[in-house]
């Protein structure tokens, strides 16, 4: 997975985040949100619908909240950045809420919640989507 996304122009650290997220879904048995969606993301990169090297600055940072620009990158990258920022904020102030705008599909919420659990915290991750 890491090599496939790297070959699509995704930076090494981001490709590792994507690969870890996808493979983790498969290991947990969530096959609807694992390898099955790798092609969707790779095709999105190939078609120019997703940016391999998005600029993802923090648009707003106010105390325990922030908003990150997703810049149409691979959704897993922006969302993991957001969760890690939320963890840093919660470590400092007891709570962290971070939104990502203009992002893409982040697969399932489990990897982001596990990131919080591994930090010894309680967390919530969710996303909106088009009606299905």
Protein backbone atom coordinates (compact mmCIF):
# COMPACT_ATOMS: atom_id res chain seq x y z
CA UNK A 1 0.00 0.00 0.00
CA UNK A 2 2.75 2.43 0.95
CA UNK A 3 4.58 1.83 -2.34
CA UNK A 4 1.39 2.22 -4.41
CA UNK A 5 0.53 5.56 -2.85
CA UNK A 6 4.17 6.65 -3.01
CA UNK A 7 4.19 5.87 -6.73
CA UNK A 8 1.14 8.13 -7.03
CA UNK A 9 3.15 11.07 -5.73
CA UNK A 10 2.11 10.91 -2.07
CA UNK A 11 4.99 11.83 0.31
CA UNK A 12 6.47 8.91 2.26
CA UNK A 13 5.04 9.85 5.68
CA UNK A 14 1.56 10.37 4.24
CA UNK A 15 1.79 7.11 2.24
CA UNK A 16 2.65 5.31 5.48
CA UNK A 17 -0.39 6.85 7.22
CA UNK A 18 -2.63 5.75 4.35
CA UNK A 19 -1.17 2.24 4.25
CA UNK A 20 -1.45 1.80 8.01
CA UNK A 21 -5.07 2.97 7.98
CA UNK A 22 -6.11 0.71 5.11
CA UNK A 23 -4.31 -2.38 6.39
CA UNK A 24 -5.62 -1.81 9.92
CA UNK A 25 -9.18 -1.97 8.58
CA UNK A 26 -8.48 -5.32 6.93
CA UNK A 27 -6.86 -6.72 10.07
CA UNK A 28 -9.91 -5.69 12.10
CA UNK A 29 -12.20 -7.38 9.55
CA UNK A 30 -13.68 -4.15 8.21
CA UNK A 31 -13.19 -5.12 4.57
CA UNK A 32 -15.73 -2.59 3.29
CA UNK A 33 -13.42 0.23 4.42
CA UNK A 34 -9.99 -1.28 3.81
CA UNK A 35 -8.31 -2.61 0.68
CA UNK A 36 -11.60 -2.36 -1.17
CA UNK A 37 -11.29 1.46 -1.14
CA UNK A 38 -7.59 1.63 -2.01
CA UNK A 39 -8.40 1.66 -5.73
CA UNK A 40 -10.92 4.49 -5.24
CA UNK A 41 -8.20 6.62 -3.64
CA UNK A 42 -5.52 5.67 -6.18
CA UNK A 43 -7.91 6.44 -9.03
CA UNK A 44 -8.81 9.76 -7.42
CA UNK A 45 -5.12 10.64 -7.36
CA UNK A 46 -4.63 9.51 -10.97
CA UNK A 47 -7.66 11.50 -12.15
CA UNK A 48 -6.60 14.65 -10.30
CA UNK A 49 -9.64 14.57 -8.00
CA UNK A 50 -7.33 14.16 -4.99
CA UNK A 51 -4.08 15.98 -4.43
CA UNK A 52 -1.06 13.82 -3.53
CA UNK A 53 0.70 16.73 -1.80
CA UNK A 54 -2.06 18.90 -0.39
CA UNK A 55 -1.30 22.04 1.52
CA UNK A 56 -3.06 21.53 4.83
CA UNK A 57 -2.55 24.63 6.93
CA UNK A 58 -4.46 25.32 10.11
CA UNK A 59 -7.12 27.83 9.09
CA UNK A 60 -8.29 28.60 12.60
CA UNK A 61 -6.72 27.82 15.96
CA UNK A 62 -8.61 29.04 18.99
CA UNK A 63 -7.71 27.46 22.26
CA UNK A 64 -8.96 23.91 22.25
CA UNK A 65 -10.44 24.04 18.73
CA UNK A 66 -8.97 24.23 15.25
CA UNK A 67 -9.90 23.91 11.59
CA UNK A 68 -7.52 22.32 9.08
CA UNK A 69 -7.68 22.85 5.31
CA UNK A 70 -7.91 19.38 3.69
CA UNK A 71 -7.02 20.79 0.24
CA UNK A 72 -8.64 17.77 -1.44
CA UNK A 73 -5.94 15.40 -0.22
CA UNK A 74 -6.38 11.73 0.57
CA UNK A 75 -8.89 11.84 3.41
CA UNK A 76 -6.95 9.63 5.80
CA UNK A 77 -4.01 12.03 5.85
CA UNK A 78 -6.00 15.14 6.81
CA UNK A 79 -8.07 13.26 9.36
CA UNK A 80 -5.08 11.70 11.10
CA UNK A 81 -3.41 15.14 11.25
CA UNK A 82 -6.60 16.49 12.80
CA UNK A 83 -6.83 13.72 15.38
CA UNK A 84 -3.19 14.15 16.39
CA UNK A 85 -3.74 17.90 16.78
CA UNK A 86 -6.87 17.22 18.85
CA UNK A 87 -4.82 14.92 21.10
CA UNK A 88 -2.18 17.62 21.60
CA UNK A 89 -4.89 20.13 22.46
CA UNK A 90 -6.59 17.72 24.86
CA UNK A 91 -3.29 16.96 26.56
CA UNK A 92 -2.85 20.67 27.19
CA UNK A 93 -6.42 21.74 27.98
CA UNK A 94 -8.56 18.67 28.62
CA UNK A 95 -10.40 18.72 25.30
CA UNK A 96 -9.51 19.03 21.63
CA UNK A 97 -11.88 19.53 18.73
CA UNK A 98 -10.46 19.72 15.22
CA UNK A 99 -12.38 19.88 11.94
CA UNK A 100 -11.06 19.19 8.45
CA UNK A 101 -12.69 20.97 5.52
CA UNK A 102 -12.44 20.17 1.80
CA UNK A 103 -11.20 16.66 2.50
CA UNK A 104 -11.97 13.24 1.02
CA UNK A 105 -13.28 9.90 2.34
CA UNK A 106 -11.49 8.96 5.57
CA UNK A 107 -12.53 5.26 5.48
CA UNK A 108 -13.87 4.18 8.88
CA UNK A 109 -13.50 6.09 12.15
CA UNK A 110 -11.73 3.28 14.02
CA UNK A 111 -8.08 4.22 13.22
CA UNK A 112 -8.57 7.75 14.51
CA UNK A 113 -10.32 6.57 17.66
CA UNK A 114 -7.52 4.06 18.28
CA UNK A 115 -5.02 6.90 17.97
CA UNK A 116 -6.84 8.56 20.87
CA UNK A 117 -6.99 5.34 22.89
CA UNK A 118 -3.24 4.85 22.40
CA UNK A 119 -2.77 8.35 23.84
CA UNK A 120 -4.75 7.27 26.93
CA UNK A 121 -7.78 9.38 26.09
CA UNK A 122 -11.39 9.11 24.97
CA UNK A 123 -12.22 10.40 21.52
CA UNK A 124 -14.82 10.62 18.79
CA UNK A 125 -14.24 10.74 15.04
CA UNK A 126 -16.92 11.25 12.42
CA UNK A 127 -17.41 12.56 8.92
CA UNK A 128 -20.18 13.72 6.65
CA UNK A 129 -20.86 12.20 3.24
CA UNK A 130 -23.18 12.34 0.29
CA UNK A 131 -26.45 10.50 0.72
CA UNK A 132 -26.19 6.83 -0.20
